[in-house]
Amino acid sequence: MEYETLRVIQGYAYWFITLLLVVLLYGYIYHLYKSQKSGKIDYEKYARLALDDNLNDTLIEERNKKESKES
C-alpha cells in the first residue's frame, strides 16, 4: 500500500474509534443515571468510600449473609 492510503485509513480509523468511545462513554453515563433514578443503586454513597475508610465508620451497605455462605 502507498503511504497516503495508509494515512487515510489511519485517519478514518482514528475518527471511528473516537466516535465509538464517545458513544460508549455517554451510554455508561446514561446507565449510571438510569440506575440512580430507578433506585437500584445509590452511587453517591460510594463517592465517600475513600473518605470513610476507618474501622469505626458506618458501612455503605449491609452484607447479605445468605449470599456470603453460598460463595
PDB file of N, CA and C in Angstrom:
ATOM      1  N   MET A   1       0.837  -1.186   0.000  1.00  0.00           N
ATOM      2  CA  MET A   1       0.000   0.000   0.000  1.00  0.00           C
ATOM      3  C   MET A   1       0.876   1.241   0.000  1.00  0.00           C
ATOM      4  N   GLU A   2       0.316   2.258  -0.529  1.00  0.00           N
ATOM      5  CA  GLU A   2       1.044   3.521  -0.562  1.00  0.00           C
ATOM      6  C   GLU A   2       0.916   4.247   0.774  1.00  0.00           C
ATOM      7  N   TYR A   3       1.818   5.153   0.995  1.00  0.00           N
ATOM      8  CA  TYR A   3       1.860   5.900   2.252  1.00  0.00           C
ATOM      9  C   TYR A   3       0.591   6.722   2.450  1.00  0.00           C
ATOM     10  N   GLU A   4       0.122   7.380   1.386  1.00  0.00           N
ATOM     11  CA  GLU A   4      -1.071   8.219   1.514  1.00  0.00           C
ATOM     12  C   GLU A   4      -2.305   7.392   1.838  1.00  0.00           C
ATOM     13  N   THR A   5      -2.386   6.215   1.265  1.00  0.00           N
ATOM     14  CA  THR A   5      -3.525   5.330   1.536  1.00  0.00           C
ATOM     15  C   THR A   5      -3.519   4.901   2.996  1.00  0.00           C
ATOM     16  N   LEU A   6      -2.354   4.577   3.528  1.00  0.00           N
ATOM     17  CA  LEU A   6      -2.256   4.205   4.931  1.00  0.00           C
ATOM     18  C   LEU A   6      -2.650   5.357   5.855  1.00  0.00           C
ATOM     19  N   ARG A   7      -2.247   6.557   5.490  1.00  0.00           N
ATOM     20  CA  ARG A   7      -2.599   7.729   6.305  1.00  0.00           C
ATOM     21  C   ARG A   7      -4.106   7.983   6.278  1.00  0.00           C
ATOM     22  N   VAL A   8      -4.739   7.779   5.126  1.00  0.00           N
ATOM     23  CA  VAL A   8      -6.195   7.969   5.033  1.00  0.00           C
ATOM     24  C   VAL A   8      -6.905   6.925   5.882  1.00  0.00           C
ATOM     25  N   ILE A   9      -6.477   5.669   5.797  1.00  0.00           N
ATOM     26  CA  ILE A   9      -7.080   4.609   6.610  1.00  0.00           C
ATOM     27  C   ILE A   9      -6.867   4.892   8.085  1.00  0.00           C
ATOM     28  N   GLN A  10      -5.682   5.365   8.443  1.00  0.00           N
ATOM     29  CA  GLN A  10      -5.394   5.707   9.834  1.00  0.00           C
ATOM     30  C   GLN A  10      -6.302   6.841  10.313  1.00  0.00           C
ATOM     31  N   GLY A  11      -6.537   7.820   9.470  1.00  0.00           N
ATOM     32  CA  GLY A  11      -7.420   8.932   9.840  1.00  0.00           C
ATOM     33  C   GLY A  11      -8.849   8.482  10.055  1.00  0.00           C
ATOM     34  N   TYR A  12      -9.368   7.644   9.141  1.00  0.00           N
ATOM     35  CA  TYR A  12     -10.725   7.133   9.303  1.00  0.00           C
ATOM     36  C   TYR A  12     -10.834   6.250  10.546  1.00  0.00           C
ATOM     37  N   ALA A  13      -9.833   5.427  10.806  1.00  0.00           N
ATOM     38  CA  ALA A  13      -9.849   4.567  11.987  1.00  0.00           C
ATOM     39  C   ALA A  13      -9.826   5.405  13.263  1.00  0.00           C
ATOM     40  N   TYR A  14      -9.052   6.480  13.272  1.00  0.00           N
ATOM     41  CA  TYR A  14      -8.985   7.369  14.426  1.00  0.00           C
ATOM     42  C   TYR A  14     -10.355   7.955  14.733  1.00  0.00           C
ATOM     43  N   TRP A  15     -11.040   8.477  13.724  1.00  0.00           N
ATOM     44  CA  TRP A  15     -12.348   9.080  13.934  1.00  0.00           C
ATOM     45  C   TRP A  15     -13.396   8.041  14.312  1.00  0.00           C
ATOM     46  N   PHE A  16     -13.308   6.851  13.748  1.00  0.00           N
ATOM     47  CA  PHE A  16     -14.252   5.799  14.096  1.00  0.00           C
ATOM     48  C   PHE A  16     -14.074   5.370  15.551  1.00  0.00           C
ATOM     49  N   ILE A  17     -12.840   5.169  15.982  1.00  0.00           N
ATOM     50  CA  ILE A  17     -12.589   4.757  17.371  1.00  0.00           C
ATOM     51  C   ILE A  17     -12.978   5.869  18.339  1.00  0.00           C
ATOM     52  N   THR A  18     -12.695   7.118  17.974  1.00  0.00           N
ATOM     53  CA  THR A  18     -13.090   8.239  18.823  1.00  0.00           C
ATOM     54  C   THR A  18     -14.600   8.303  18.967  1.00  0.00           C
ATOM     55  N   LEU A  19     -15.326   8.152  17.875  1.00  0.00           N
ATOM     56  CA  LEU A  19     -16.789   8.164  17.914  1.00  0.00           C
ATOM     57  C   LEU A  19     -17.320   6.992  18.731  1.00  0.00           C
ATOM     58  N   LEU A  20     -16.725   5.823  18.569  1.00  0.00           N
ATOM     59  CA  LEU A  20     -17.145   4.659  19.335  1.00  0.00           C
ATOM     60  C   LEU A  20     -16.948   4.879  20.832  1.00  0.00           C
ATOM     61  N   LEU A  21     -15.808   5.423  21.215  1.00  0.00           N
ATOM     62  CA  LEU A  21     -15.542   5.674  22.634  1.00  0.00           C
ATOM     63  C   LEU A  21     -16.481   6.734  23.211  1.00  0.00           C
ATOM     64  N   VAL A  22     -16.827   7.736  22.435  1.00  0.00           N
ATOM     65  CA  VAL A  22     -17.767   8.759  22.899  1.00  0.00           C
ATOM     66  C   VAL A  22     -19.145   8.137  23.124  1.00  0.00           C
ATOM     67  N   VAL A  23     -19.583   7.295  22.200  1.00  0.00           N
ATOM     68  CA  VAL A  23     -20.884   6.629  22.344  1.00  0.00           C
ATOM     69  C   VAL A  23     -20.886   5.729  23.572  1.00  0.00           C
ATOM     70  N   LEU A  24     -19.807   4.977  23.783  1.00  0.00           N
ATOM     71  CA  LEU A  24     -19.726   4.118  24.965  1.00  0.00           C
ATOM     72  C   LEU A  24     -19.725   4.928  26.260  1.00  0.00           C
ATOM     73  N   LEU A  25     -19.020   6.046  26.268  1.00  0.00           N
ATOM     74  CA  LEU A  25     -18.986   6.898  27.455  1.00  0.00           C
ATOM     75  C   LEU A  25     -20.373   7.439  27.780  1.00  0.00           C
ATOM     76  N   TYR A  26     -21.072   7.977  26.772  1.00  0.00           N
ATOM     77  CA  TYR A  26     -22.411   8.504  27.019  1.00  0.00           C
ATOM     78  C   TYR A  26     -23.388   7.394  27.385  1.00  0.00           C
ATOM     79  N   GLY A  27     -23.219   6.202  26.840  1.00  0.00           N
ATOM     80  CA  GLY A  27     -24.054   5.070  27.226  1.00  0.00           C
ATOM     81  C   GLY A  27     -23.844   4.687  28.681  1.00  0.00           C
ATOM     82  N   TYR A  28     -22.595   4.697  29.121  1.00  0.00           N
ATOM     83  CA  TYR A  28     -22.285   4.383  30.516  1.00  0.00           C
ATOM     84  C   TYR A  28     -22.846   5.451  31.452  1.00  0.00           C
ATOM     85  N   ILE A  29     -22.715   6.712  31.074  1.00  0.00           N
ATOM     86  CA  ILE A  29     -23.262   7.799  31.892  1.00  0.00           C
ATOM     87  C   ILE A  29     -24.776   7.675  31.987  1.00  0.00           C
ATOM     88  N   TYR A  30     -25.431   7.338  30.864  1.00  0.00           N
ATOM     89  CA  TYR A  30     -26.876   7.153  30.876  1.00  0.00           C
ATOM     90  C   TYR A  30     -27.259   5.971  31.766  1.00  0.00           C
ATOM     91  N   HIS A  31     -26.490   4.886  31.714  1.00  0.00           N
ATOM     92  CA  HIS A  31     -26.759   3.722  32.567  1.00  0.00           C
ATOM     93  C   HIS A  31     -26.660   4.102  34.043  1.00  0.00           C
ATOM     94  N   LEU A  32     -25.626   4.852  34.420  1.00  0.00           N
ATOM     95  CA  LEU A  32     -25.484   5.279  35.806  1.00  0.00           C
ATOM     96  C   LEU A  32     -26.650   6.162  36.238  1.00  0.00           C
ATOM     97  N   TYR A  33     -27.055   7.091  35.361  1.00  0.00           N
ATOM     98  CA  TYR A  33     -28.159   7.997  35.663  1.00  0.00           C
ATOM     99  C   TYR A  33     -29.460   7.220  35.810  1.00  0.00           C
ATOM    100  N   LYS A  34     -29.708   6.278  34.915  1.00  0.00           N
ATOM    101  CA  LYS A  34     -30.940   5.489  34.948  1.00  0.00           C
ATOM    102  C   LYS A  34     -30.996   4.607  36.191  1.00  0.00           C
ATOM    103  N   SER A  35     -29.873   3.999  36.557  1.00  0.00           N
ATOM    104  CA  SER A  35     -29.830   3.162  37.755  1.00  0.00           C
ATOM    105  C   SER A  35     -30.062   3.995  39.017  1.00  0.00           C
ATOM    106  N   GLN A  36     -29.508   5.185  39.041  1.00  0.00           N
ATOM    107  CA  GLN A  36     -29.688   6.069  40.196  1.00  0.00           C
ATOM    108  C   GLN A  36     -31.148   6.507  40.308  1.00  0.00           C
ATOM    109  N   LYS A  37     -31.756   6.864  39.180  1.00  0.00           N
ATOM    110  CA  LYS A  37     -33.138   7.341  39.197  1.00  0.00           C
ATOM    111  C   LYS A  37     -34.118   6.240  39.563  1.00  0.00           C
ATOM    112  N   SER A  38     -33.879   5.005  39.096  1.00  0.00           N
ATOM    113  CA  SER A  38     -34.803   3.914  39.378  1.00  0.00           C
ATOM    114  C   SER A  38     -34.648   3.383  40.797  1.00  0.00           C
ATOM    115  N   GLY A  39     -33.582   3.754  41.479  1.00  0.00           N
ATOM    116  CA  GLY A  39     -33.388   3.349  42.866  1.00  0.00           C
ATOM    117  C   GLY A  39     -32.699   2.011  43.013  1.00  0.00           C
ATOM    118  N   LYS A  40     -32.154   1.463  41.929  1.00  0.00           N
ATOM    119  CA  LYS A  40     -31.438   0.189  42.019  1.00  0.00           C
ATOM    120  C   LYS A  40     -30.209   0.308  42.897  1.00  0.00           C
ATOM    121  N   ILE A  41     -29.452   1.360  42.688  1.00  0.00           N
ATOM    122  CA  ILE A  41     -28.212   1.547  43.438  1.00  0.00           C
ATOM    123  C   ILE A  41     -27.972   3.043  43.593  1.00  0.00           C
ATOM    124  N   ASP A  42     -27.403   3.407  44.738  1.00  0.00           N
ATOM    125  CA  ASP A  42     -27.123   4.810  45.016  1.00  0.00           C
ATOM    126  C   ASP A  42     -25.615   5.018  44.939  1.00  0.00           C
ATOM    127  N   TYR A  43     -25.155   5.575  43.831  1.00  0.00           N
ATOM    128  CA  TYR A  43     -23.725   5.753  43.616  1.00  0.00           C
ATOM    129  C   TYR A  43     -23.132   6.858  44.470  1.00  0.00           C
ATOM    130  N   GLU A  44     -23.977   7.745  44.998  1.00  0.00           N
ATOM    131  CA  GLU A  44     -23.454   8.820  45.837  1.00  0.00           C
ATOM    132  C   GLU A  44     -22.917   8.276  47.163  1.00  0.00           C
ATOM    133  N   LYS A  45     -23.440   7.127  47.610  1.00  0.00           N
ATOM    134  CA  LYS A  45     -22.896   6.511  48.820  1.00  0.00           C
ATOM    135  C   LYS A  45     -21.453   6.070  48.590  1.00  0.00           C
ATOM    136  N   TYR A  46     -21.173   5.566  47.409  1.00  0.00           N
ATOM    137  CA  TYR A  46     -19.842   5.067  47.113  1.00  0.00           C
ATOM    138  C   TYR A  46     -18.832   6.192  46.884  1.00  0.00           C
ATOM    139  N   ALA A  47     -19.306   7.408  46.685  1.00  0.00           N
ATOM    140  CA  ALA A  47     -18.397   8.532  46.467  1.00  0.00           C
ATOM    141  C   ALA A  47     -17.598   8.861  47.728  1.00  0.00           C
ATOM    142  N   ARG A  48     -18.141   8.536  48.884  1.00  0.00           N
ATOM    143  CA  ARG A  48     -17.452   8.825  50.142  1.00  0.00           C
ATOM    144  C   ARG A  48     -16.643   7.637  50.640  1.00  0.00           C
ATOM    145  N   LEU A  49     -16.506   6.604  49.852  1.00  0.00           N
ATOM    146  CA  LEU A  49     -15.815   5.388  50.272  1.00  0.00           C
ATOM    147  C   LEU A  49     -14.357   5.657  50.643  1.00  0.00           C
ATOM    148  N   ALA A  50     -13.672   6.469  49.885  1.00  0.00           N
ATOM    149  CA  ALA A  50     -12.267   6.756  50.175  1.00  0.00           C
ATOM    150  C   ALA A  50     -12.114   7.633  51.423  1.00  0.00           C
ATOM    151  N   LEU A  51     -13.113   8.427  51.736  1.00  0.00           N
ATOM    152  CA  LEU A  51     -13.032   9.296  52.906  1.00  0.00           C
ATOM    153  C   LEU A  51     -13.422   8.567  54.189  1.00  0.00           C
ATOM    154  N   ASP A  52     -14.387   7.670  54.091  1.00  0.00           N
ATOM    155  CA  ASP A  52     -14.870   6.944  55.258  1.00  0.00           C
ATOM    156  C   ASP A  52     -14.306   5.534  55.244  1.00  0.00           C
ATOM    157  N   ASP A  53     -13.016   5.404  55.499  1.00  0.00           N
ATOM    158  CA  ASP A  53     -12.392   4.087  55.418  1.00  0.00           C
ATOM    159  C   ASP A  53     -11.831   3.599  56.758  1.00  0.00           C
ATOM    160  N   ASN A  54     -12.243   4.210  57.848  1.00  0.00           N
ATOM    161  CA  ASN A  54     -11.806   3.737  59.164  1.00  0.00           C
ATOM    162  C   ASN A  54     -12.631   2.528  59.592  1.00  0.00           C
ATOM    163  N   LEU A  55     -12.119   1.779  60.542  1.00  0.00           N
ATOM    164  CA  LEU A  55     -12.852   0.609  61.023  1.00  0.00           C
ATOM    165  C   LEU A  55     -14.129   0.983  61.763  1.00  0.00           C
ATOM    166  N   ASN A  56     -14.162   2.168  62.346  1.00  0.00           N
ATOM    167  CA  ASN A  56     -15.331   2.578  63.129  1.00  0.00           C
ATOM    168  C   ASN A  56     -16.383   3.300  62.300  1.00  0.00           C
ATOM    169  N   ASP A  57     -16.144   3.521  61.026  1.00  0.00           N
ATOM    170  CA  ASP A  57     -17.123   4.207  60.181  1.00  0.00           C
ATOM    171  C   ASP A  57     -18.285   3.272  59.861  1.00  0.00           C
ATOM    172  N   THR A  58     -19.408   3.879  59.518  1.00  0.00           N
ATOM    173  CA  THR A  58     -20.585   3.072  59.178  1.00  0.00           C
ATOM    174  C   THR A  58     -20.389   2.393  57.829  1.00  0.00           C
ATOM    175  N   LEU A  59     -21.034   1.252  57.676  1.00  0.00           N
ATOM    176  CA  LEU A  59     -20.947   0.503  56.428  1.00  0.00           C
ATOM    177  C   LEU A  59     -21.754   1.187  55.339  1.00  0.00           C
ATOM    178  N   ILE A  60     -21.321   1.025  54.128  1.00  0.00           N
ATOM    179  CA  ILE A  60     -22.060   1.590  52.998  1.00  0.00           C
ATOM    180  C   ILE A  60     -23.361   0.837  52.808  1.00  0.00           C
ATOM    181  N   GLU A  61     -23.273  -0.484  52.792  1.00  0.00           N
ATOM    182  CA  GLU A  61     -24.473  -1.303  52.727  1.00  0.00           C
ATOM    183  C   GLU A  61     -24.192  -2.602  53.473  1.00  0.00           C
ATOM    184  N   GLU A  62     -25.223  -3.156  54.043  1.00  0.00           N
ATOM    185  CA  GLU A  62     -25.082  -4.385  54.815  1.00  0.00           C
ATOM    186  C   GLU A  62     -24.823  -5.558  53.882  1.00  0.00           C
ATOM    187  N   ARG A  63     -24.018  -6.486  54.353  1.00  0.00           N
ATOM    188  CA  ARG A  63     -23.722  -7.683  53.578  1.00  0.00           C
ATOM    189  C   ARG A  63     -24.823  -8.713  53.829  1.00  0.00           C
ATOM    190  N   ASN A  64     -25.271  -9.355  52.760  1.00  0.00           N
ATOM    191  CA  ASN A  64     -26.284 -10.380  52.884  1.00  0.00           C
ATOM    192  C   ASN A  64     -25.594 -11.684  53.292  1.00  0.00           C
ATOM    193  N   LYS A  65     -25.911 -12.217  54.463  1.00  0.00           N
ATOM    194  CA  LYS A  65     -25.235 -13.412  54.977  1.00  0.00           C
ATOM    195  C   LYS A  65     -25.526 -14.632  54.132  1.00  0.00           C
ATOM    196  N   LYS A  66     -26.708 -14.695  53.547  1.00  0.00           N
ATOM    197  CA  LYS A  66     -27.072 -15.835  52.716  1.00  0.00           C
ATOM    198  C   LYS A  66     -26.185 -15.908  51.469  1.00  0.00           C
ATOM    199  N   GLU A  67     -25.908 -14.783  50.850  1.00  0.00           N
ATOM    200  CA  GLU A  67     -25.051 -14.746  49.654  1.00  0.00           C
ATOM    201  C   GLU A  67     -23.614 -15.084  50.008  1.00  0.00           C
ATOM    202  N   SER A  68     -23.138 -14.643  51.172  1.00  0.00           N
ATOM    203  CA  SER A  68     -21.742 -14.886  51.521  1.00  0.00           C
ATOM    204  C   SER A  68     -21.504 -16.367  51.841  1.00  0.00           C
ATOM    205  N   LYS A  69     -22.502 -17.092  52.340  1.00  0.00           N
ATOM    206  CA  LYS A  69     -22.342 -18.513  52.601  1.00  0.00           C
ATOM    207  C   LYS A  69     -22.288 -19.322  51.312  1.00  0.00           C
ATOM    208  N   GLU A  70     -23.020 -18.872  50.288  1.00  0.00           N
ATOM    209  CA  GLU A  70     -23.033 -19.588  49.012  1.00  0.00           C
ATOM    210  C   GLU A  70     -21.741 -19.417  48.260  1.00  0.00           C
ATOM    211  N   SER A  71     -21.050 -18.307  48.435  1.00  0.00           N
ATOM    212  CA  SER A  71     -19.833 -18.026  47.684  1.00  0.00           C
ATOM    213  C   SER A  71     -18.657 -18.831  48.131  1.00  0.00           C
TER     214      SER A  71
END
